[in-house]
Amino acid sequence: MQEAVWPLLSWESFYVIVGSSAAALTGLQFVVIVLGVDLNTLGGMSAIRAFGTPTVVHFCAVLLISALMCAPWHGPSGAALALGACGVGGVTYMIRVVRHARRQTFYVPDLEDWTWYGVLPLVAYTALLPAAIVFLRRPTPSLFVIAAVAVLLLFIGIHNAWDAVTYIAHGRTQQPEESGQRPSAAAGQADSSRRTLGS
């Protein structure tokens, strides 16, 4: 039993770094949301729920995965069950996010938006499920999959947070007569500094 858990010890520093980064970036995303609301550039709660909130959730998922991988498990089954639950929760959440993003009317997502806000997070959370199952019998290869999921979610969050910052910065430079226009992917691509909401 101790041999099955032993590989986790060699990953402890990795998850401390990744988890700490996710925690710090979560705080920064809160600042981004506050700035966006103050500037009235985020389009209300509907758009925030579709594009801003998932970024915080991804950072929190990385923090949770890091905490699970550093926990003092007595056997692989506990870690595998927790990771599997995290994967199921993530997939369920992403299905809801995609549905909400399609229903909101403030912003029209383009292919890049769907990739970063829908496809890649869904792939990451889905990958946790087989990794959790494989972890019971072959922990070493599954640890690399779990680490890849954590890093992917971290980079997705960084990308989406940067989208939010550039979107807000672009909102600051809008002329008063332009501020009433509804953003769209076509209009965004026409801008040299095109960015999405929360995004």
C-alpha atoms as a PDB file:
ATOM      1  CA  MET A   1       0.000   0.000   0.000  1.00  0.00           C
ATOM      2  CA  GLN A   2       2.805   2.384   0.812  1.00  0.00           C
ATOM      3  CA  GLU A   3       4.471   1.597  -2.535  1.00  0.00           C
ATOM      4  CA  ALA A   4       1.302   2.588  -4.410  1.00  0.00           C
ATOM      5  CA  VAL A   5       1.221   6.001  -2.735  1.00  0.00           C
ATOM      6  CA  TRP A   6       4.954   6.597  -2.908  1.00  0.00           C
ATOM      7  CA  PRO A   7       4.955   8.159  -6.442  1.00  0.00           C
ATOM      8  CA  LEU A   8       2.847  11.033  -5.076  1.00  0.00           C
ATOM      9  CA  LEU A   9       5.742  12.137  -2.888  1.00  0.00           C
ATOM     10  CA  SER A  10       7.899  12.989  -5.885  1.00  0.00           C
ATOM     11  CA  TRP A  11       5.148  15.280  -7.237  1.00  0.00           C
ATOM     12  CA  GLU A  12       4.669  17.303  -4.074  1.00  0.00           C
ATOM     13  CA  SER A  13       6.824  20.271  -5.147  1.00  0.00           C
ATOM     14  CA  PHE A  14       5.104  20.377  -8.533  1.00  0.00           C
ATOM     15  CA  TYR A  15       1.653  20.634  -6.996  1.00  0.00           C
ATOM     16  CA  VAL A  16       2.769  23.165  -4.405  1.00  0.00           C
ATOM     17  CA  ILE A  17       3.963  25.432  -7.230  1.00  0.00           C
ATOM     18  CA  VAL A  18       0.937  24.863  -9.462  1.00  0.00           C
ATOM     19  CA  GLY A  19      -1.550  25.188  -6.607  1.00  0.00           C
ATOM     20  CA  SER A  20       0.048  28.370  -5.298  1.00  0.00           C
ATOM     21  CA  SER A  21      -0.025  29.890  -8.770  1.00  0.00           C
ATOM     22  CA  ALA A  22      -3.692  29.030  -9.186  1.00  0.00           C
ATOM     23  CA  ALA A  23      -4.558  30.560  -5.810  1.00  0.00           C
ATOM     24  CA  ALA A  24      -2.726  33.800  -6.629  1.00  0.00           C
ATOM     25  CA  LEU A  25      -4.298  34.055 -10.089  1.00  0.00           C
ATOM     26  CA  THR A  26      -7.761  33.487  -8.609  1.00  0.00           C
ATOM     27  CA  GLY A  27      -7.306  36.643  -6.556  1.00  0.00           C
ATOM     28  CA  LEU A  28      -6.203  38.572  -9.627  1.00  0.00           C
ATOM     29  CA  GLN A  29      -9.279  37.404 -11.521  1.00  0.00           C
ATOM     30  CA  PHE A  30     -11.453  38.888  -8.777  1.00  0.00           C
ATOM     31  CA  VAL A  31      -9.736  42.227  -9.406  1.00  0.00           C
ATOM     32  CA  VAL A  32     -10.369  41.889 -13.150  1.00  0.00           C
ATOM     33  CA  ILE A  33     -14.085  41.270 -12.571  1.00  0.00           C
ATOM     34  CA  VAL A  34     -14.349  44.263 -10.229  1.00  0.00           C
ATOM     35  CA  LEU A  35     -12.614  46.527 -12.750  1.00  0.00           C
ATOM     36  CA  GLY A  36     -14.887  45.289 -15.511  1.00  0.00           C
ATOM     37  CA  VAL A  37     -18.017  45.930 -13.469  1.00  0.00           C
ATOM     38  CA  ASP A  38     -16.817  49.416 -12.528  1.00  0.00           C
ATOM     39  CA  LEU A  39     -16.300  50.191 -16.213  1.00  0.00           C
ATOM     40  CA  ASN A  40     -19.612  48.575 -17.225  1.00  0.00           C
ATOM     41  CA  THR A  41     -17.761  46.535 -19.846  1.00  0.00           C
ATOM     42  CA  LEU A  42     -18.676  43.007 -18.789  1.00  0.00           C
ATOM     43  CA  GLY A  43     -22.289  43.062 -19.948  1.00  0.00           C
ATOM     44  CA  GLY A  44     -23.994  42.072 -16.708  1.00  0.00           C
ATOM     45  CA  MET A  45     -24.241  38.827 -14.763  1.00  0.00           C
ATOM     46  CA  SER A  46     -25.239  36.740 -17.774  1.00  0.00           C
ATOM     47  CA  ALA A  47     -21.975  37.415 -19.594  1.00  0.00           C
ATOM     48  CA  ILE A  48     -19.912  37.158 -16.407  1.00  0.00           C
ATOM     49  CA  ARG A  49     -21.387  33.720 -15.685  1.00  0.00           C
ATOM     50  CA  ALA A  50     -20.618  32.593 -19.226  1.00  0.00           C
ATOM     51  CA  PHE A  51     -17.058  33.892 -19.532  1.00  0.00           C
ATOM     52  CA  GLY A  52     -15.733  35.298 -16.253  1.00  0.00           C
ATOM     53  CA  THR A  53     -16.841  32.807 -13.608  1.00  0.00           C
ATOM     54  CA  PRO A  54     -15.489  29.703 -15.419  1.00  0.00           C
ATOM     55  CA  THR A  55     -11.996  31.197 -15.252  1.00  0.00           C
ATOM     56  CA  VAL A  56     -12.226  31.346 -11.455  1.00  0.00           C
ATOM     57  CA  VAL A  57     -13.599  27.793 -11.424  1.00  0.00           C
ATOM     58  CA  HIS A  58     -10.645  26.530 -13.499  1.00  0.00           C
ATOM     59  CA  PHE A  59      -8.161  28.139 -11.119  1.00  0.00           C
ATOM     60  CA  CYS A  60     -10.035  26.636  -8.161  1.00  0.00           C
ATOM     61  CA  ALA A  61     -10.018  23.232  -9.870  1.00  0.00           C
ATOM     62  CA  VAL A  62      -6.226  23.428 -10.197  1.00  0.00           C
ATOM     63  CA  LEU A  63      -6.002  24.356  -6.519  1.00  0.00           C
ATOM     64  CA  LEU A  64      -8.288  21.442  -5.603  1.00  0.00           C
ATOM     65  CA  ILE A  65      -6.317  18.953  -7.709  1.00  0.00           C
ATOM     66  CA  SER A  66      -3.098  20.172  -6.111  1.00  0.00           C
ATOM     67  CA  ALA A  67      -4.572  19.782  -2.630  1.00  0.00           C
ATOM     68  CA  LEU A  68      -5.813  16.275  -3.435  1.00  0.00           C
ATOM     69  CA  MET A  69      -2.433  15.227  -4.774  1.00  0.00           C
ATOM     70  CA  CYS A  70      -0.664  16.537  -1.661  1.00  0.00           C
ATOM     71  CA  ALA A  71      -3.112  15.014   0.811  1.00  0.00           C
ATOM     72  CA  PRO A  72      -1.778  12.223   3.099  1.00  0.00           C
ATOM     73  CA  TRP A  73      -3.705   9.369   1.467  1.00  0.00           C
ATOM     74  CA  HIS A  74      -3.418   5.908   3.039  1.00  0.00           C
ATOM     75  CA  GLY A  75      -4.045   4.235  -0.303  1.00  0.00           C
ATOM     76  CA  PRO A  76      -4.609   5.000  -3.991  1.00  0.00           C
ATOM     77  CA  SER A  77      -8.365   4.417  -3.873  1.00  0.00           C
ATOM     78  CA  GLY A  78      -9.055   7.610  -1.921  1.00  0.00           C
ATOM     79  CA  ALA A  79      -7.091   9.789  -4.323  1.00  0.00           C
ATOM     80  CA  ALA A  80      -8.625   8.060  -7.354  1.00  0.00           C
ATOM     81  CA  LEU A  81     -12.172   8.539  -6.049  1.00  0.00           C
ATOM     82  CA  ALA A  82     -11.568  12.222  -5.289  1.00  0.00           C
ATOM     83  CA  LEU A  83     -10.017  12.857  -8.702  1.00  0.00           C
ATOM     84  CA  GLY A  84     -12.841  11.027 -10.452  1.00  0.00           C
ATOM     85  CA  ALA A  85     -15.407  13.139  -8.587  1.00  0.00           C
ATOM     86  CA  CYS A  86     -13.505  16.266  -9.604  1.00  0.00           C
ATOM     87  CA  GLY A  87     -13.593  15.155 -13.228  1.00  0.00           C
ATOM     88  CA  VAL A  88     -17.336  14.423 -13.156  1.00  0.00           C
ATOM     89  CA  GLY A  89     -18.026  17.758 -11.496  1.00  0.00           C
ATOM     90  CA  GLY A  90     -15.900  19.580 -14.051  1.00  0.00           C
ATOM     91  CA  VAL A  91     -17.573  17.945 -17.040  1.00  0.00           C
ATOM     92  CA  THR A  92     -21.029  18.672 -15.623  1.00  0.00           C
ATOM     93  CA  TYR A  93     -20.097  22.285 -14.974  1.00  0.00           C
ATOM     94  CA  MET A  94     -18.659  22.767 -18.462  1.00  0.00           C
ATOM     95  CA  ILE A  95     -21.841  21.460 -20.085  1.00  0.00           C
ATOM     96  CA  ARG A  96     -23.776  24.095 -18.154  1.00  0.00           C
ATOM     97  CA  VAL A  97     -21.260  26.799 -19.106  1.00  0.00           C
ATOM     98  CA  VAL A  98     -21.504  26.002 -22.819  1.00  0.00           C
ATOM     99  CA  ARG A  99     -25.297  26.057 -22.687  1.00  0.00           C
ATOM    100  CA  HIS A 100     -25.270  29.370 -20.849  1.00  0.00           C
ATOM    101  CA  ALA A 101     -22.746  30.877 -23.272  1.00  0.00           C
ATOM    102  CA  ARG A 102     -25.017  29.970 -26.176  1.00  0.00           C
ATOM    103  CA  ARG A 103     -28.047  31.559 -24.489  1.00  0.00           C
ATOM    104  CA  GLN A 104     -26.456  34.858 -23.423  1.00  0.00           C
ATOM    105  CA  THR A 105     -26.849  37.690 -25.925  1.00  0.00           C
ATOM    106  CA  PHE A 106     -24.177  40.198 -24.897  1.00  0.00           C
ATOM    107  CA  TYR A 107     -21.307  38.630 -26.806  1.00  0.00           C
ATOM    108  CA  VAL A 108     -21.157  36.385 -29.876  1.00  0.00           C
ATOM    109  CA  PRO A 109     -18.293  33.877 -29.320  1.00  0.00           C
ATOM    110  CA  ASP A 110     -16.091  32.937 -32.251  1.00  0.00           C
ATOM    111  CA  LEU A 111     -14.159  29.716 -32.858  1.00  0.00           C
ATOM    112  CA  GLU A 112     -11.252  30.762 -30.648  1.00  0.00           C
ATOM    113  CA  ASP A 113     -13.651  31.566 -27.810  1.00  0.00           C
ATOM    114  CA  TRP A 114     -15.380  28.202 -28.065  1.00  0.00           C
ATOM    115  CA  THR A 115     -11.988  26.501 -28.075  1.00  0.00           C
ATOM    116  CA  TRP A 116     -10.672  28.211 -24.920  1.00  0.00           C
ATOM    117  CA  TYR A 117     -13.969  28.506 -23.039  1.00  0.00           C
ATOM    118  CA  GLY A 118     -15.566  25.216 -24.022  1.00  0.00           C
ATOM    119  CA  VAL A 119     -13.479  22.575 -25.791  1.00  0.00           C
ATOM    120  CA  LEU A 120     -10.173  22.703 -23.901  1.00  0.00           C
ATOM    121  CA  PRO A 121     -11.694  22.832 -20.389  1.00  0.00           C
ATOM    122  CA  LEU A 122     -14.035  19.976 -21.300  1.00  0.00           C
ATOM    123  CA  VAL A 123     -11.093  17.913 -22.565  1.00  0.00           C
ATOM    124  CA  ALA A 124      -9.167  18.625 -19.364  1.00  0.00           C
ATOM    125  CA  TYR A 125     -11.950  17.621 -16.981  1.00  0.00           C
ATOM    126  CA  THR A 126     -12.825  14.563 -19.073  1.00  0.00           C
ATOM    127  CA  ALA A 127      -9.190  13.397 -18.952  1.00  0.00           C
ATOM    128  CA  LEU A 128      -9.382  13.210 -15.156  1.00  0.00           C
ATOM    129  CA  LEU A 129     -11.830  10.296 -15.344  1.00  0.00           C
ATOM    130  CA  PRO A 130      -9.604   7.715 -17.086  1.00  0.00           C
ATOM    131  CA  ALA A 131      -6.599   9.044 -15.164  1.00  0.00           C
ATOM    132  CA  ALA A 132      -8.409   8.350 -11.885  1.00  0.00           C
ATOM    133  CA  ILE A 133      -9.286   4.812 -12.993  1.00  0.00           C
ATOM    134  CA  VAL A 134      -5.788   4.028 -14.247  1.00  0.00           C
ATOM    135  CA  PHE A 135      -4.307   5.462 -11.055  1.00  0.00           C
ATOM    136  CA  LEU A 136      -5.514   2.402  -9.128  1.00  0.00           C
ATOM    137  CA  ARG A 137      -3.367  -0.010 -11.149  1.00  0.00           C
ATOM    138  CA  ARG A 138      -0.683   2.101 -12.821  1.00  0.00           C
ATOM    139  CA  PRO A 139      -0.191   5.266 -10.780  1.00  0.00           C
ATOM    140  CA  THR A 140       2.974   6.503 -12.477  1.00  0.00           C
ATOM    141  CA  PRO A 141       1.603   7.141 -16.027  1.00  0.00           C
ATOM    142  CA  SER A 142      -1.685   8.499 -14.662  1.00  0.00           C
ATOM    143  CA  LEU A 143       0.239  11.020 -12.562  1.00  0.00           C
ATOM    144  CA  PHE A 144       1.552  12.612 -15.760  1.00  0.00           C
ATOM    145  CA  VAL A 145      -1.996  12.866 -17.143  1.00  0.00           C
ATOM    146  CA  ILE A 146      -3.238  14.466 -13.926  1.00  0.00           C
ATOM    147  CA  ALA A 147      -0.322  16.913 -13.965  1.00  0.00           C
ATOM    148  CA  ALA A 148      -1.068  17.761 -17.613  1.00  0.00           C
ATOM    149  CA  VAL A 149      -4.699  18.444 -16.702  1.00  0.00           C
ATOM    150  CA  ALA A 150      -3.648  20.792 -13.908  1.00  0.00           C
ATOM    151  CA  VAL A 151      -1.228  22.681 -16.159  1.00  0.00           C
ATOM    152  CA  LEU A 152      -3.761  22.852 -19.010  1.00  0.00           C
ATOM    153  CA  LEU A 153      -6.431  24.292 -16.720  1.00  0.00           C
ATOM    154  CA  LEU A 154      -3.909  26.765 -15.351  1.00  0.00           C
ATOM    155  CA  PHE A 155      -2.988  27.973 -18.836  1.00  0.00           C
ATOM    156  CA  ILE A 156      -6.644  28.119 -19.861  1.00  0.00           C
ATOM    157  CA  GLY A 157      -7.298  30.334 -16.863  1.00  0.00           C
ATOM    158  CA  ILE A 158      -4.316  32.554 -17.667  1.00  0.00           C
ATOM    159  CA  HIS A 159      -5.427  32.914 -21.291  1.00  0.00           C
ATOM    160  CA  ASN A 160      -9.009  33.731 -20.338  1.00  0.00           C
ATOM    161  CA  ALA A 161      -7.951  36.159 -17.608  1.00  0.00           C
ATOM    162  CA  TRP A 162      -5.731  37.937 -20.140  1.00  0.00           C
ATOM    163  CA  ASP A 163      -8.722  38.089 -22.490  1.00  0.00           C
ATOM    164  CA  ALA A 164     -10.690  39.794 -19.728  1.00  0.00           C
ATOM    165  CA  VAL A 165      -7.925  42.330 -19.095  1.00  0.00           C
ATOM    166  CA  THR A 166      -7.532  43.216 -22.776  1.00  0.00           C
ATOM    167  CA  TYR A 167     -11.312  43.385 -23.228  1.00  0.00           C
ATOM    168  CA  ILE A 168     -11.578  45.824 -20.338  1.00  0.00           C
ATOM    169  CA  ALA A 169      -8.587  47.821 -21.571  1.00  0.00           C
ATOM    170  CA  HIS A 170     -10.211  48.033 -24.994  1.00  0.00           C
ATOM    171  CA  GLY A 171     -13.411  49.214 -23.288  1.00  0.00           C
ATOM    172  CA  ARG A 172     -11.502  52.121 -21.746  1.00  0.00           C
ATOM    173  CA  THR A 173     -10.487  53.379 -25.195  1.00  0.00           C
ATOM    174  CA  GLN A 174     -13.945  53.154 -26.783  1.00  0.00           C
ATOM    175  CA  GLN A 175     -15.463  56.424 -27.929  1.00  0.00           C
ATOM    176  CA  PRO A 176     -18.792  57.358 -26.289  1.00  0.00           C
ATOM    177  CA  GLU A 177     -20.696  56.762 -29.530  1.00  0.00           C
ATOM    178  CA  GLU A 178     -19.230  53.248 -29.776  1.00  0.00           C
ATOM    179  CA  SER A 179     -20.018  52.228 -26.209  1.00  0.00           C
ATOM    180  CA  GLY A 180     -23.640  51.419 -27.012  1.00  0.00           C
ATOM    181  CA  GLN A 181     -22.813  48.874 -29.682  1.00  0.00           C
ATOM    182  CA  ARG A 182     -23.222  45.179 -28.981  1.00  0.00           C
ATOM    183  CA  PRO A 183     -19.905  43.314 -29.363  1.00  0.00           C
ATOM    184  CA  SER A 184     -19.703  40.529 -31.899  1.00  0.00           C
ATOM    185  CA  ALA A 185     -17.001  38.244 -33.144  1.00  0.00           C
ATOM    186  CA  ALA A 186     -16.982  40.002 -36.515  1.00  0.00           C
ATOM    187  CA  ALA A 187     -16.633  43.419 -34.922  1.00  0.00           C
ATOM    188  CA  GLY A 188     -13.979  42.110 -32.574  1.00  0.00           C
ATOM    189  CA  GLN A 189     -11.886  40.728 -35.412  1.00  0.00           C
ATOM    190  CA  ALA A 190     -12.007  44.106 -37.140  1.00  0.00           C
ATOM    191  CA  ASP A 191     -10.262  45.634 -34.122  1.00  0.00           C
ATOM    192  CA  SER A 192      -6.507  45.433 -33.852  1.00  0.00           C
ATOM    193  CA  SER A 193      -6.920  44.657 -30.147  1.00  0.00           C
ATOM    194  CA  ARG A 194      -9.829  42.192 -30.474  1.00  0.00           C
ATOM    195  CA  ARG A 195     -10.635  40.405 -27.295  1.00  0.00           C
ATOM    196  CA  THR A 196     -13.498  38.515 -25.820  1.00  0.00           C
ATOM    197  CA  LEU A 197     -15.418  39.009 -22.625  1.00  0.00           C
ATOM    198  CA  GLY A 198     -13.919  37.462 -19.613  1.00  0.00           C
ATOM    199  CA  SER A 199     -12.415  37.044 -22.467  1.00  0.00           C
END
